[in-house]
């Protein structure tokens, strides 16, 4: 006969497992419903202009996700993600013009090659960190911008660079055959972003995520625990750069024609870091908020005839607010503030009702 304490403990464990299972199911249902709304409901109620803005938002959400993994999970500050985005776009554009490979294959090639470059970029992180690493990667972003400006992006011309100055040689970067229209390409970009989020979630929830958490907490302690710091740091750079390269491939086909001045500038890397901090650096959902801030907010300001440069002022104020009062960002702070507001309104309503009854 089983001991009653043992039975109670088993029942508690079973109840906990049920609660965990139900919570996971609820989250999965909510995410699936949200994804279905984004894929099917939004395109039916928005104009082509706003569908294009949301396509860019989905692309930059992937870039923000890479920085979220790099900074939020490992503690490595990189200011070169915009430059890697430009490299990914450049690689993808060259393969689009050079080959007839399927679109997903070219996205993978752009991601893998950009990931390899990201590993090289991450080599200084083996000895440097914090501000030193941020400055190194920012200088890299500036250098890459200068190089791309000099060689220009490929536009269908001959040779390795594939650039021609004649207008007759200029060709648009092709889109996948199943996503030729703006609406279809928007859905395509959202699905690729969802796959990237799933890839990040798998990494965070497994051994690599635990190793990254240990490195962020304390490198000496992680080393003493047997964590291969060199491997997992470079792994983080490779994963973040792979995601950024895939986003670059999506951006190339979304834009149709690429210009060096339009992507890869150091200011883009600073803006990206700002919106990721505001969105929530410690949560993968913060990358979604970061993408909305980076692309949707300037478009909304522009629709009200407000200069988009006000967005940079708002980003600066937002970063100050995050650093001072809300280090977990909007994705955590906003639900808490709304819950506090709801409790306050509920308490106020009860007092008003009680006062009316007393009168």
Protein backbone atom coordinates (compact mmCIF):
# COMPACT_ATOMS: atom_id res chain seq x y z
CA UNK A 1 0.00 0.00 0.00
CA UNK A 2 1.40 3.36 -1.01
CA UNK A 3 2.18 5.90 1.66
CA UNK A 4 -0.40 8.72 1.73
CA UNK A 5 2.33 11.35 1.46
CA UNK A 6 3.64 9.65 -1.66
CA UNK A 7 0.14 9.58 -3.13
CA UNK A 8 -0.40 13.25 -2.41
CA UNK A 9 2.94 14.15 -3.96
CA UNK A 10 2.11 12.12 -7.04
CA UNK A 11 -1.28 13.78 -7.35
CA UNK A 12 0.34 17.22 -7.02
CA UNK A 13 2.86 16.35 -9.69
CA UNK A 14 0.11 15.13 -11.99
CA UNK A 15 -1.92 18.29 -11.40
CA UNK A 16 1.19 20.39 -12.14
CA UNK A 17 1.78 18.47 -15.36
CA UNK A 18 -1.84 19.07 -16.38
CA UNK A 19 -1.48 22.78 -15.63
CA UNK A 20 1.74 22.97 -17.63
CA UNK A 21 0.15 21.05 -20.48
CA UNK A 22 -2.93 23.26 -20.50
CA UNK A 23 -0.80 26.42 -20.38
CA UNK A 24 1.28 25.23 -23.32
CA UNK A 25 -1.83 24.36 -25.29
CA UNK A 26 -3.40 27.73 -24.56
CA UNK A 27 -0.26 29.58 -25.66
CA UNK A 28 -0.04 27.48 -28.82
CA UNK A 29 -3.70 28.18 -29.66
CA UNK A 30 -3.26 31.91 -29.05
CA UNK A 31 -0.13 32.04 -31.22
CA UNK A 32 -1.84 30.04 -33.99
CA UNK A 33 -4.87 32.35 -33.90
CA UNK A 34 -2.64 35.43 -33.97
CA UNK A 35 -0.65 34.04 -36.88
CA UNK A 36 -3.85 33.24 -38.78
CA UNK A 37 -5.11 36.78 -38.19
CA UNK A 38 -1.84 38.27 -39.43
CA UNK A 39 -1.77 36.03 -42.50
CA UNK A 40 -5.38 36.22 -43.65
CA UNK A 41 -7.35 38.96 -41.88
CA UNK A 42 -4.90 41.86 -42.09
CA UNK A 43 -4.29 41.69 -45.86
CA UNK A 44 -8.04 41.79 -46.49
CA UNK A 45 -8.53 45.07 -44.60
CA UNK A 46 -5.30 46.94 -45.44
CA UNK A 47 -4.20 48.79 -48.56
CA UNK A 48 -1.21 47.77 -50.65
CA UNK A 49 0.87 50.51 -49.02
CA UNK A 50 0.33 49.18 -45.51
CA UNK A 51 0.85 45.60 -46.64
CA UNK A 52 4.28 46.70 -47.89
CA UNK A 53 5.01 48.33 -44.53
CA UNK A 54 4.05 45.14 -42.70
CA UNK A 55 6.25 43.12 -45.06
CA UNK A 56 9.21 45.30 -44.10
CA UNK A 57 8.15 44.91 -40.45
CA UNK A 58 8.26 41.11 -40.73
CA UNK A 59 11.73 41.30 -42.32
CA UNK A 60 13.15 43.59 -39.67
CA UNK A 61 11.55 41.45 -36.97
CA UNK A 62 13.88 38.65 -38.08
CA UNK A 63 16.89 40.99 -37.82
CA UNK A 64 15.75 42.09 -34.36
CA UNK A 65 15.35 38.43 -33.38
CA UNK A 66 18.99 37.76 -34.25
CA UNK A 67 20.13 40.68 -32.08
CA UNK A 68 17.75 39.53 -29.36
CA UNK A 69 19.46 36.13 -29.28
CA UNK A 70 22.93 37.67 -29.40
CA UNK A 71 22.47 40.38 -26.80
CA UNK A 72 19.56 39.19 -24.68
CA UNK A 73 20.61 35.55 -24.38
CA UNK A 74 24.40 35.72 -24.48
CA UNK A 75 25.13 39.32 -23.48
CA UNK A 76 27.13 40.16 -26.62
CA UNK A 77 26.50 43.70 -27.89
CA UNK A 78 26.80 43.84 -31.68
CA UNK A 79 26.28 47.01 -33.69
CA UNK A 80 26.98 45.36 -37.02
CA UNK A 81 23.66 43.63 -37.70
CA UNK A 82 22.55 46.21 -40.26
CA UNK A 83 25.81 45.64 -42.15
CA UNK A 84 25.20 41.88 -42.10
CA UNK A 85 21.69 42.56 -43.39
CA UNK A 86 23.22 44.42 -46.33
CA UNK A 87 25.65 41.56 -46.95
CA UNK A 88 22.80 39.03 -46.90
CA UNK A 89 20.84 41.16 -49.36
CA UNK A 90 23.89 41.53 -51.61
CA UNK A 91 24.60 37.77 -51.61
CA UNK A 92 20.96 36.89 -52.28
CA UNK A 93 20.67 39.46 -55.09
CA UNK A 94 23.78 38.09 -56.77
CA UNK A 95 22.44 34.53 -56.67
CA UNK A 96 19.02 35.66 -57.87
CA UNK A 97 20.63 37.16 -60.97
CA UNK A 98 23.30 34.49 -61.44
CA UNK A 99 21.24 31.32 -61.01
CA UNK A 100 17.73 29.96 -61.39
CA UNK A 101 17.78 28.25 -57.98
CA UNK A 102 14.50 28.13 -56.06
CA UNK A 103 13.84 31.09 -53.79
CA UNK A 104 14.07 29.10 -50.48
CA UNK A 105 17.44 27.67 -51.52
CA UNK A 106 18.83 31.14 -52.19
CA UNK A 107 17.54 32.29 -48.80
CA UNK A 108 19.42 29.39 -47.20
CA UNK A 109 22.58 30.23 -49.15
CA UNK A 110 22.37 33.87 -48.09
CA UNK A 111 21.81 32.79 -44.50
CA UNK A 112 24.67 30.27 -44.43
CA UNK A 113 27.21 32.58 -46.09
CA UNK A 114 26.21 35.51 -43.87
CA UNK A 115 26.41 33.17 -40.88
CA UNK A 116 29.99 32.27 -41.85
CA UNK A 117 30.84 35.97 -42.06
CA UNK A 118 29.17 36.45 -38.70
CA UNK A 119 31.47 33.84 -37.17
CA UNK A 120 34.46 35.86 -38.40
CA UNK A 121 32.87 39.00 -36.96
CA UNK A 122 32.40 37.16 -33.68
CA UNK A 123 36.06 36.25 -33.29
CA UNK A 124 36.83 39.48 -31.34
CA UNK A 125 34.06 38.49 -28.92
CA UNK A 126 36.28 35.65 -27.68
CA UNK A 127 38.50 38.24 -25.96
CA UNK A 128 36.40 41.41 -25.94
CA UNK A 129 33.00 42.28 -24.58
CA UNK A 130 30.72 45.14 -23.66
CA UNK A 131 31.64 48.53 -25.08
CA UNK A 132 34.81 47.27 -26.78
CA UNK A 133 32.88 44.69 -28.81
CA UNK A 134 30.17 47.24 -29.63
CA UNK A 135 32.75 49.68 -31.00
CA UNK A 136 34.51 46.98 -33.05
CA UNK A 137 31.25 45.86 -34.67
CA UNK A 138 30.17 49.48 -35.27
CA UNK A 139 33.45 50.17 -37.07
CA UNK A 140 32.86 47.01 -39.11
CA UNK A 141 29.41 48.27 -40.09
CA UNK A 142 30.93 51.55 -41.28
CA UNK A 143 33.63 49.75 -43.26
CA UNK A 144 31.12 47.45 -44.94
CA UNK A 145 28.93 50.42 -45.86
CA UNK A 146 31.91 52.12 -47.54
CA UNK A 147 32.84 48.97 -49.47
CA UNK A 148 29.28 48.37 -50.66
CA UNK A 149 28.99 51.99 -51.72
CA UNK A 150 32.12 51.65 -53.84
CA UNK A 151 31.23 48.36 -55.53
CA UNK A 152 27.44 48.96 -55.70
CA UNK A 153 24.83 46.27 -55.35
CA UNK A 154 24.32 43.79 -58.22
CA UNK A 155 21.58 44.87 -60.61
CA UNK A 156 21.71 42.14 -63.22
CA UNK A 157 24.92 43.10 -64.93
CA UNK A 158 27.69 40.65 -65.92
CA UNK A 159 30.62 39.51 -63.80
CA UNK A 160 31.00 38.65 -60.13
CA UNK A 161 29.67 41.99 -58.90
CA UNK A 162 26.94 41.95 -61.51
CA UNK A 163 26.63 45.71 -61.78
CA UNK A 164 26.06 47.86 -64.83
CA UNK A 165 25.59 51.60 -65.15
CA UNK A 166 23.29 51.32 -68.19
CA UNK A 167 19.58 51.44 -67.49
CA UNK A 168 18.95 48.68 -70.02
CA UNK A 169 20.91 46.22 -67.88
CA UNK A 170 19.02 46.99 -64.70
CA UNK A 171 16.73 44.16 -63.68
CA UNK A 172 14.41 43.69 -60.74
CA UNK A 173 15.31 41.07 -58.16
CA UNK A 174 12.87 38.22 -58.59
CA UNK A 175 10.37 36.97 -56.04
CA UNK A 176 9.25 33.37 -55.53
CA UNK A 177 6.77 32.12 -58.08
CA UNK A 178 4.15 31.48 -55.39
CA UNK A 179 4.52 34.99 -53.95
CA UNK A 180 4.65 37.34 -56.90
CA UNK A 181 2.03 39.80 -55.63
CA UNK A 182 2.57 42.13 -52.69
CA UNK A 183 0.00 40.34 -50.54
CA UNK A 184 1.42 36.89 -51.30
CA UNK A 185 4.96 38.07 -50.61
CA UNK A 186 3.81 39.56 -47.30
CA UNK A 187 2.44 36.17 -46.29
CA UNK A 188 5.67 34.53 -47.46
CA UNK A 189 7.76 36.89 -45.31
CA UNK A 190 5.55 36.28 -42.25
CA UNK A 191 5.87 32.50 -42.65
CA UNK A 192 9.68 32.75 -42.94
CA UNK A 193 9.70 34.95 -39.83
CA UNK A 194 7.64 32.34 -37.98
CA UNK A 195 10.15 29.65 -38.97
CA UNK A 196 13.01 31.82 -37.69
CA UNK A 197 11.20 32.29 -34.38
CA UNK A 198 10.73 28.53 -34.12
CA UNK A 199 14.45 28.04 -34.80
CA UNK A 200 15.34 30.55 -32.08
CA UNK A 201 12.91 28.94 -29.63
CA UNK A 202 14.43 25.50 -30.19
CA UNK A 203 17.91 26.89 -29.50
CA UNK A 204 16.82 28.77 -26.38
CA UNK A 205 14.94 25.77 -24.94
CA UNK A 206 17.77 23.26 -25.42
CA UNK A 207 21.40 22.84 -24.38
CA UNK A 208 22.61 25.86 -26.33
CA UNK A 209 20.13 28.12 -24.51
CA UNK A 210 21.34 26.88 -21.13
CA UNK A 211 24.94 27.42 -22.15
CA UNK A 212 24.19 30.96 -23.34
CA UNK A 213 22.42 31.74 -20.07
CA UNK A 214 25.44 30.52 -18.11
CA UNK A 215 27.82 32.64 -20.22
CA UNK A 216 25.66 35.72 -19.77
CA UNK A 217 25.50 35.20 -16.02
CA UNK A 218 29.23 34.64 -15.52
CA UNK A 219 31.85 33.46 -17.98
CA UNK A 220 34.23 32.14 -15.27
CA UNK A 221 31.40 30.19 -13.66
CA UNK A 222 30.31 28.83 -17.05
CA UNK A 223 33.89 27.80 -17.81
CA UNK A 224 34.15 26.07 -14.44
CA UNK A 225 30.90 24.24 -15.18
CA UNK A 226 32.40 22.85 -18.39
CA UNK A 227 30.71 25.13 -20.92
CA UNK A 228 32.71 25.56 -24.13
CA UNK A 229 32.58 29.36 -24.21
CA UNK A 230 34.36 29.66 -27.56
CA UNK A 231 31.94 27.28 -29.26
CA UNK A 232 28.76 28.80 -27.88
CA UNK A 233 29.77 32.40 -28.47
CA UNK A 234 30.58 31.70 -32.11
CA UNK A 235 27.40 29.61 -32.32
CA UNK A 236 25.38 32.62 -31.17
CA UNK A 237 27.02 34.86 -33.76
CA UNK A 238 26.45 32.25 -36.47
CA UNK A 239 22.76 31.85 -35.59
CA UNK A 240 22.11 35.60 -35.37
CA UNK A 241 23.96 36.21 -38.63
CA UNK A 242 22.15 33.34 -40.37
CA UNK A 243 18.80 34.90 -39.44
CA UNK A 244 20.01 38.31 -40.59
CA UNK A 245 21.20 36.84 -43.91
CA UNK A 246 17.79 35.24 -44.49
CA UNK A 247 16.19 38.60 -43.72
CA UNK A 248 18.57 40.20 -46.23
CA UNK A 249 17.39 37.80 -48.93
CA UNK A 250 13.77 38.68 -48.16
CA UNK A 251 14.65 42.38 -48.21
CA UNK A 252 16.34 42.09 -51.61
CA UNK A 253 13.26 40.58 -53.24
CA UNK A 254 10.94 42.96 -51.38
CA UNK A 255 12.81 46.05 -52.58
CA UNK A 256 13.35 44.80 -56.13
CA UNK A 257 16.34 47.13 -56.55
CA UNK A 258 18.99 47.64 -53.89
CA UNK A 259 21.09 50.72 -53.30
CA UNK A 260 24.01 50.95 -50.84
CA UNK A 261 22.64 54.10 -49.25
CA UNK A 262 19.36 52.37 -48.37
CA UNK A 263 20.70 49.65 -46.06
CA UNK A 264 23.68 48.80 -43.90
CA UNK A 265 24.48 52.26 -42.52
CA UNK A 266 25.84 52.45 -38.95
CA UNK A 267 22.83 54.54 -37.91
CA UNK A 268 20.63 51.58 -38.84
CA UNK A 269 22.54 49.39 -36.38
CA UNK A 270 22.12 51.95 -33.61
CA UNK A 271 18.41 52.27 -34.35
CA UNK A 272 18.04 48.50 -34.37
CA UNK A 273 19.70 48.20 -30.96
CA UNK A 274 17.46 50.97 -29.59
CA UNK A 275 14.20 49.35 -30.72
CA UNK A 276 15.31 45.90 -29.51
CA UNK A 277 16.01 47.37 -26.06
CA UNK A 278 12.64 49.10 -26.08
CA UNK A 279 10.79 45.99 -27.24
CA UNK A 280 12.36 43.68 -24.67
CA UNK A 281 15.81 42.23 -24.98
CA UNK A 282 15.10 39.24 -22.74
CA UNK A 283 12.02 37.97 -24.57
CA UNK A 284 11.67 36.67 -28.11
CA UNK A 285 8.38 38.57 -28.33
CA UNK A 286 10.42 41.73 -27.90
CA UNK A 287 11.70 41.22 -31.45
CA UNK A 288 8.13 41.57 -32.76
CA UNK A 289 7.71 44.86 -30.87
CA UNK A 290 11.12 45.98 -32.19
CA UNK A 291 10.08 45.28 -35.78
CA UNK A 292 6.88 47.27 -35.29
CA UNK A 293 8.79 50.19 -33.79
CA UNK A 294 11.44 50.18 -36.52
CA UNK A 295 9.10 50.08 -39.53
CA UNK A 296 5.50 50.68 -38.53
CA UNK A 297 6.02 53.69 -36.24
CA UNK A 298 7.81 55.84 -38.87
CA UNK A 299 5.10 54.95 -41.40
CA UNK A 300 2.37 56.02 -38.97
CA UNK A 301 4.17 59.31 -38.31
CA UNK A 302 4.51 59.87 -42.04
CA UNK A 303 0.79 59.25 -42.56
CA UNK A 304 0.11 62.17 -40.21
CA UNK A 305 2.60 64.38 -42.08
CA UNK A 306 5.01 64.19 -39.15
CA UNK A 307 8.70 63.93 -39.99
CA UNK A 308 10.06 60.43 -39.52
CA UNK A 309 13.04 61.95 -37.72
CA UNK A 310 10.74 62.33 -34.72
CA UNK A 311 10.92 58.56 -34.48
CA UNK A 312 14.62 58.83 -33.59
CA UNK A 313 13.73 61.24 -30.77
CA UNK A 314 11.09 58.82 -29.53
CA UNK A 315 13.60 55.98 -29.69
CA UNK A 316 16.07 57.99 -27.62
CA UNK A 317 13.46 58.77 -24.98
CA UNK A 318 12.32 55.15 -25.03
CA UNK A 319 15.83 53.81 -24.46
CA UNK A 320 16.31 56.19 -21.51
CA UNK A 321 13.01 55.03 -20.04
CA UNK A 322 13.94 51.37 -20.50
CA UNK A 323 17.37 51.78 -18.93
CA UNK A 324 15.96 53.78 -16.01
CA UNK A 325 12.69 52.06 -15.10
CA UNK A 326 11.86 49.10 -17.35
CA UNK A 327 14.90 46.96 -18.24
CA UNK A 328 12.65 44.16 -19.54
CA UNK A 329 11.12 46.44 -22.18
CA UNK A 330 7.62 47.06 -23.47
CA UNK A 331 6.77 43.39 -23.88
CA UNK A 332 6.91 42.92 -20.08
CA UNK A 333 6.20 46.43 -18.80
CA UNK A 334 3.05 47.17 -20.80
CA UNK A 335 1.03 44.13 -19.55
CA UNK A 336 2.01 44.97 -15.97
CA UNK A 337 1.00 48.61 -16.36
CA UNK A 338 -2.31 47.60 -17.95
CA UNK A 339 -2.96 45.14 -15.11
CA UNK A 340 -2.25 47.85 -12.52
CA UNK A 341 -4.54 50.25 -14.38
CA UNK A 342 -7.29 47.63 -14.51
CA UNK A 343 -7.03 46.98 -10.77
CA UNK A 344 -7.08 50.71 -10.08
CA UNK A 345 -10.17 51.24 -12.22
CA UNK A 346 -11.87 48.23 -10.63
CA UNK A 347 -11.13 49.48 -7.12
CA UNK A 348 -12.32 52.97 -8.03
CA UNK A 349 -15.52 51.55 -9.47
CA UNK A 350 -16.19 49.54 -6.31
CA UNK A 351 -15.70 52.61 -4.13
CA UNK A 352 -18.08 54.63 -6.31
CA UNK A 353 -20.73 51.87 -6.14
CA UNK A 354 -20.27 51.52 -2.37
CA UNK A 355 -20.59 55.29 -1.91
CA UNK A 356 -23.78 55.36 -3.98
CA UNK A 357 -25.35 52.62 -1.91
CA UNK A 358 -24.40 54.39 1.34
CA UNK A 359 -26.01 57.59 0.10
